[in-house]
Protein backbone atom coordinates (compact mmCIF):
# COMPACT_ATOMS: atom_id res chain seq x y z
CA MET A 1 4.05 -138.12 86.83
CA PRO A 2 1.28 -137.80 84.24
CA GLY A 3 -2.19 -137.92 85.67
CA THR A 4 -5.76 -137.75 84.50
CA ASP A 5 -5.79 -133.96 84.39
CA TRP A 6 -5.81 -132.43 80.87
CA GLY A 7 -3.85 -129.47 82.29
CA TRP A 8 -0.82 -131.50 83.41
CA LEU A 9 2.52 -130.11 82.24
CA ILE A 10 5.73 -131.97 81.43
CA THR A 11 8.88 -130.99 83.27
CA PRO A 12 12.43 -131.11 81.75
CA THR A 13 13.39 -133.67 84.34
CA GLU A 14 10.51 -135.92 83.35
CA PHE A 15 11.26 -135.54 79.63
CA THR A 16 14.88 -136.58 80.31
CA SER A 17 13.78 -139.64 82.25
CA TRP A 18 11.68 -140.82 79.26
CA LEU A 19 14.61 -140.76 76.78
CA LEU A 20 15.79 -144.15 75.55
CA GLU A 21 18.18 -142.82 72.99
CA ASP A 22 19.29 -139.27 72.22
CA GLY A 23 21.32 -139.05 69.03
CA PRO A 24 22.23 -136.08 66.78
CA GLU A 25 19.41 -136.84 64.40
CA VAL A 26 16.78 -138.92 66.25
CA ALA A 27 15.57 -139.06 69.82
CA VAL A 28 13.58 -142.07 71.13
CA LEU A 29 11.36 -141.95 74.13
CA ASN A 30 9.34 -144.42 76.19
CA LYS A 31 6.20 -142.32 76.04
CA PRO A 32 4.23 -142.38 79.30
CA PRO A 33 0.45 -142.76 79.19
CA LEU A 34 -1.87 -139.77 79.33
CA VAL A 35 0.51 -137.46 77.49
CA VAL A 36 -0.31 -136.11 73.99
CA CYS A 37 2.22 -136.28 71.14
CA HIS A 38 0.90 -133.36 69.03
CA PRO A 39 0.79 -129.71 69.94
CA SER A 40 -1.69 -128.64 72.63
CA LYS A 41 -3.50 -125.34 73.34
CA GLN A 42 -2.13 -125.61 76.91
CA GLY A 43 1.35 -124.48 75.87
CA PRO A 44 4.55 -126.14 74.72
CA TRP A 45 5.15 -128.17 77.91
CA SER A 46 1.69 -129.83 77.62
CA SER A 47 2.64 -132.12 74.69
CA LEU A 48 5.68 -134.22 73.80
CA ILE A 49 6.47 -132.39 70.61
CA GLY A 50 6.19 -129.05 72.33
CA ALA A 51 8.25 -130.12 75.25
CA ALA A 52 10.94 -131.52 72.88
CA ARG A 53 11.16 -128.23 70.99
CA GLU A 54 11.75 -126.40 74.27
CA PHE A 55 14.09 -129.02 75.60
CA TYR A 56 16.30 -129.05 72.44
CA GLY A 57 15.86 -125.39 71.55
CA LEU A 58 14.79 -126.43 68.01
CA PRO A 59 11.96 -124.63 66.23
CA THR A 60 11.11 -127.67 64.09
CA LEU A 61 10.99 -131.43 64.87
CA HIS A 62 9.38 -134.17 62.93
CA MET A 63 7.15 -137.01 64.07
CA PRO A 64 7.17 -140.00 61.70
CA PHE A 65 4.17 -141.38 63.64
CA ARG A 66 2.28 -140.59 66.80
CA LEU A 67 0.69 -142.60 69.61
CA ASP A 68 -2.72 -142.00 71.12
CA ARG A 69 -2.78 -139.96 74.36
CA GLU A 70 -3.38 -143.02 76.46
CA THR A 71 -1.03 -145.33 74.63
CA SER A 72 2.54 -145.68 76.00
CA GLY A 73 5.76 -146.96 74.47
CA VAL A 74 8.28 -146.27 71.73
CA TRP A 75 7.92 -142.84 70.16
CA LEU A 76 10.46 -141.17 67.80
CA LEU A 77 11.17 -137.61 66.77
CA ALA A 78 13.63 -136.49 64.13
CA LYS A 79 15.77 -133.44 64.89
CA THR A 80 16.70 -132.72 61.31
CA ARG A 81 14.66 -132.40 58.13
CA GLU A 82 16.67 -135.10 56.37
CA ALA A 83 16.12 -137.69 59.17
CA GLY A 84 12.41 -136.79 59.29
CA GLN A 85 12.07 -137.33 55.60
CA ARG A 86 13.86 -140.75 55.71
CA LEU A 87 11.64 -141.98 58.48
CA GLN A 88 8.42 -140.59 56.94
CA ARG A 89 9.22 -142.22 53.63
CA ALA A 90 9.72 -145.51 55.36
CA VAL A 91 6.39 -145.15 57.17
CA GLN A 92 4.56 -144.30 53.97
CA ALA A 93 6.16 -147.27 52.21
CA ARG A 94 5.13 -149.56 55.07
CA GLN A 95 8.76 -150.23 55.80
CA VAL A 96 8.25 -150.01 59.54
CA GLU A 97 7.41 -152.88 61.90
CA LYS A 98 5.60 -152.14 65.11
CA SER A 99 4.77 -154.54 67.98
CA TYR A 100 2.44 -153.72 70.78
CA LEU A 101 1.57 -155.32 74.17
CA ALA A 102 -2.07 -155.05 75.15
CA ILE A 103 -4.04 -156.29 78.12
CA VAL A 104 -7.51 -157.42 77.04
CA GLU A 105 -10.58 -158.63 78.88
CA GLY A 106 -11.25 -162.36 78.88
CA GLU A 107 -9.03 -165.34 78.26
CA MET A 108 -7.59 -165.36 74.72
CA THR A 109 -6.24 -168.89 74.30
CA ALA A 110 -5.06 -168.96 70.77
CA ALA A 111 -3.42 -166.72 68.27
CA VAL A 112 -5.84 -165.03 65.86
CA THR A 113 -5.65 -162.68 62.85
CA VAL A 114 -8.43 -160.21 62.18
CA ASP A 115 -8.66 -159.24 58.50
CA ARG A 116 -11.72 -156.96 58.50
CA PRO A 117 -12.14 -153.43 57.14
CA ILE A 118 -12.66 -150.52 59.47
CA GLY A 119 -14.67 -147.35 59.00
CA ARG A 120 -16.42 -144.66 61.05
CA THR A 121 -19.58 -145.80 62.80
CA GLU A 122 -22.64 -143.70 61.97
CA THR A 123 -24.69 -144.74 65.04
CA SER A 124 -22.33 -143.62 67.87
CA VAL A 125 -22.59 -140.47 70.04
CA VAL A 126 -18.76 -140.38 69.73
CA ARG A 127 -17.96 -138.78 66.37
CA ILE A 128 -14.56 -140.41 65.92
CA LYS A 129 -15.58 -143.91 66.88
CA GLN A 130 -14.72 -146.62 64.38
CA GLU A 131 -16.18 -150.07 63.68
CA VAL A 132 -15.71 -153.16 61.53
CA ARG A 133 -17.77 -152.51 58.40
CA ASP A 134 -17.72 -153.86 54.84
CA ASP A 135 -17.31 -150.46 53.21
CA GLY A 136 -14.37 -149.43 55.40
CA GLN A 137 -10.64 -149.41 54.74
CA SER A 138 -8.76 -152.70 54.83
CA ALA A 139 -7.19 -153.52 58.15
CA VAL A 140 -5.23 -156.56 59.37
CA THR A 141 -4.20 -157.20 62.95
CA HIS A 142 -2.48 -160.20 64.49
CA PHE A 143 -3.09 -161.09 68.16
CA THR A 144 -0.78 -163.56 70.00
CA PRO A 145 -1.68 -164.44 73.68
CA LEU A 146 1.36 -164.44 75.98
CA SER A 147 -0.41 -165.03 79.29
CA THR A 148 -3.92 -165.51 80.63
CA ALA A 149 -5.32 -165.48 84.16
CA ARG A 150 -8.58 -165.56 86.02
CA LEU A 151 -8.07 -165.07 89.76
CA SER A 152 -11.72 -165.52 90.79
CA SER A 153 -15.05 -166.72 89.36
CA SER A 154 -16.32 -163.13 89.51
CA SER A 155 -13.44 -161.81 87.39
CA PRO A 156 -13.76 -161.70 83.62
CA GLY A 157 -10.21 -162.90 83.36
CA TYR A 158 -7.52 -161.06 81.46
CA SER A 159 -4.94 -161.78 78.80
CA LEU A 160 -1.61 -160.16 77.92
CA VAL A 161 -1.29 -160.25 74.15
CA ARG A 162 1.28 -159.20 71.61
CA VAL A 163 -0.25 -157.30 68.68
CA VAL A 164 1.26 -156.68 65.28
CA THR A 165 -0.55 -154.55 62.69
CA GLU A 166 -0.16 -154.75 58.90
CA THR A 167 -2.05 -151.52 58.44
CA GLY A 168 -2.44 -148.31 60.42
CA ARG A 169 -6.14 -147.44 60.61
CA LEU A 170 -7.57 -145.12 63.26
CA HIS A 171 -8.08 -147.13 66.53
CA GLN A 172 -7.31 -150.32 64.64
CA ILE A 173 -6.11 -152.46 67.51
CA ARG A 174 -8.93 -151.31 69.80
CA VAL A 175 -11.61 -151.92 67.13
CA HIS A 176 -10.36 -155.38 66.26
CA ALA A 177 -9.87 -156.41 69.91
CA ALA A 178 -13.47 -155.40 70.67
CA PHE A 179 -14.69 -157.18 67.49
CA LEU A 180 -13.06 -160.36 68.95
CA GLY A 181 -14.99 -159.92 72.17
CA HIS A 182 -11.76 -159.00 73.95
CA PRO A 183 -11.76 -155.19 74.41
CA LEU A 184 -8.73 -153.49 75.85
CA VAL A 185 -8.76 -153.05 79.59
CA GLY A 186 -9.53 -149.43 80.44
CA ASP A 187 -10.88 -148.56 77.03
CA LYS A 188 -13.46 -145.76 77.40
CA MET A 189 -14.70 -145.85 73.86
CA TYR A 190 -14.71 -149.56 72.86
CA GLY A 191 -15.15 -151.05 76.33
CA PRO A 192 -18.29 -151.43 78.45
CA ASP A 193 -19.99 -148.16 77.60
CA GLU A 194 -18.99 -145.65 74.86
CA THR A 195 -20.50 -142.71 76.88
CA LEU A 196 -17.71 -143.17 79.39
CA PHE A 197 -15.56 -141.41 76.82
CA VAL A 198 -17.98 -138.46 76.70
CA ASP A 199 -18.04 -138.34 80.51
CA PHE A 200 -14.27 -138.31 80.59
CA LEU A 201 -14.04 -135.41 78.12
CA GLU A 202 -16.57 -133.35 80.03
CA HIS A 203 -15.61 -134.15 83.61
CA GLY A 204 -12.32 -135.95 83.69
CA TRP A 205 -11.52 -139.13 85.63
CA GLY A 206 -14.26 -139.46 88.20
CA GLY A 207 -17.93 -140.32 88.68
CA ARG A 208 -18.74 -143.77 87.36
CA LEU A 209 -15.52 -144.18 85.40
CA PRO A 210 -13.43 -145.71 88.31
CA GLU A 211 -16.35 -148.09 89.02
CA MET A 212 -16.59 -149.33 85.40
CA LEU A 213 -12.95 -149.27 84.31
CA VAL A 214 -10.17 -151.08 86.19
CA LEU A 215 -7.55 -148.78 84.66
CA PRO A 216 -7.61 -145.05 84.05
CA ARG A 217 -6.28 -145.53 80.53
CA GLN A 218 -6.44 -148.13 77.69
CA ALA A 219 -3.94 -150.93 78.30
CA LEU A 220 -1.85 -150.51 75.10
CA HIS A 221 1.88 -150.21 74.90
CA CYS A 222 4.16 -149.95 71.85
CA GLU A 223 6.92 -152.31 72.81
CA SER A 224 9.12 -152.11 69.64
CA VAL A 225 9.56 -150.22 66.38
CA ARG A 226 11.87 -151.40 63.65
CA PHE A 227 12.92 -149.81 60.36
CA PRO A 228 14.72 -152.78 58.72
CA GLN A 229 15.84 -150.91 55.55
CA LEU A 230 17.34 -148.13 57.72
CA GLY A 231 18.96 -150.58 60.21
CA LEU A 232 17.04 -148.95 63.16
CA SER A 233 15.38 -150.85 65.98
CA TYR A 234 14.05 -149.62 69.32
CA SER A 235 12.16 -151.15 72.25
CA ALA A 236 10.57 -149.92 75.41
CA ALA A 237 9.88 -151.80 78.64
CA LEU A 238 6.23 -152.03 79.84
CA THR A 239 5.30 -148.96 81.82
CA PRO A 240 4.86 -149.31 85.60
CA ASP A 241 1.07 -149.07 85.66
CA LEU A 242 0.63 -151.93 83.18
CA ALA A 243 3.41 -154.02 84.85
CA GLU A 244 1.68 -153.57 88.17
CA PHE A 245 -1.73 -154.58 86.71
CA CYS A 246 -0.11 -157.78 85.29
CA ARG A 247 1.39 -158.61 88.66
CA ARG A 248 -1.80 -158.01 90.50
CA GLU A 249 -3.88 -160.06 88.15
CA GLY A 250 -1.42 -162.93 87.80
CA LEU A 251 -0.31 -162.24 84.21
CA SER A 252 3.30 -163.00 83.24
CA ALA A 253 4.66 -159.84 81.72
């Protein structure tokens, strides 16, 4: 299974186990956490796209969208140029509907929409970090709480929320969740201390990270992807690590 080691390699058996659908034009996977989508310097079996090329024996595959390394859930790849173009055009025309499940800190008791622009922060030690800022790009995110729980007075409490985005900005869900005061559980960049992300890049999972983060990855899962105009709809069950966290913390997944 994937771990916290950047050098971890995918096996053909694992790749097969992640397949949800495997058609002549499109393959759909339930992407596990801690696996990158895009090509990696560690070789073809170190990324999903590289592993897929080896698995299918195809020199070219197409990703209509990608998921962050730590995000799990529905991920598509097109095996033909024609299918790739259809899916990419739909994405560019915003004719794709994505729904995510996230576990956030604190008790979110009511649905809320964040309509605030996002841009790169200029004060962070993390170059790619984003923030809500007036001169950023427009971004709209809808949060709907599904379950909340606080098992003890010392716990911050947690909420399982469904998240739907109208736009696709970098780190959008994570930025807007933190803006609400409900950062994603396990978020190294937008959680308790942004330098945790730097520590992770330099030293991997260890040191103070396990003490400050209750999960080794951000608790974000793409549960469904729909292309209404193309008649395509896919869904992926919550991954075992997040399902176990919900069970342990009393959240109804």
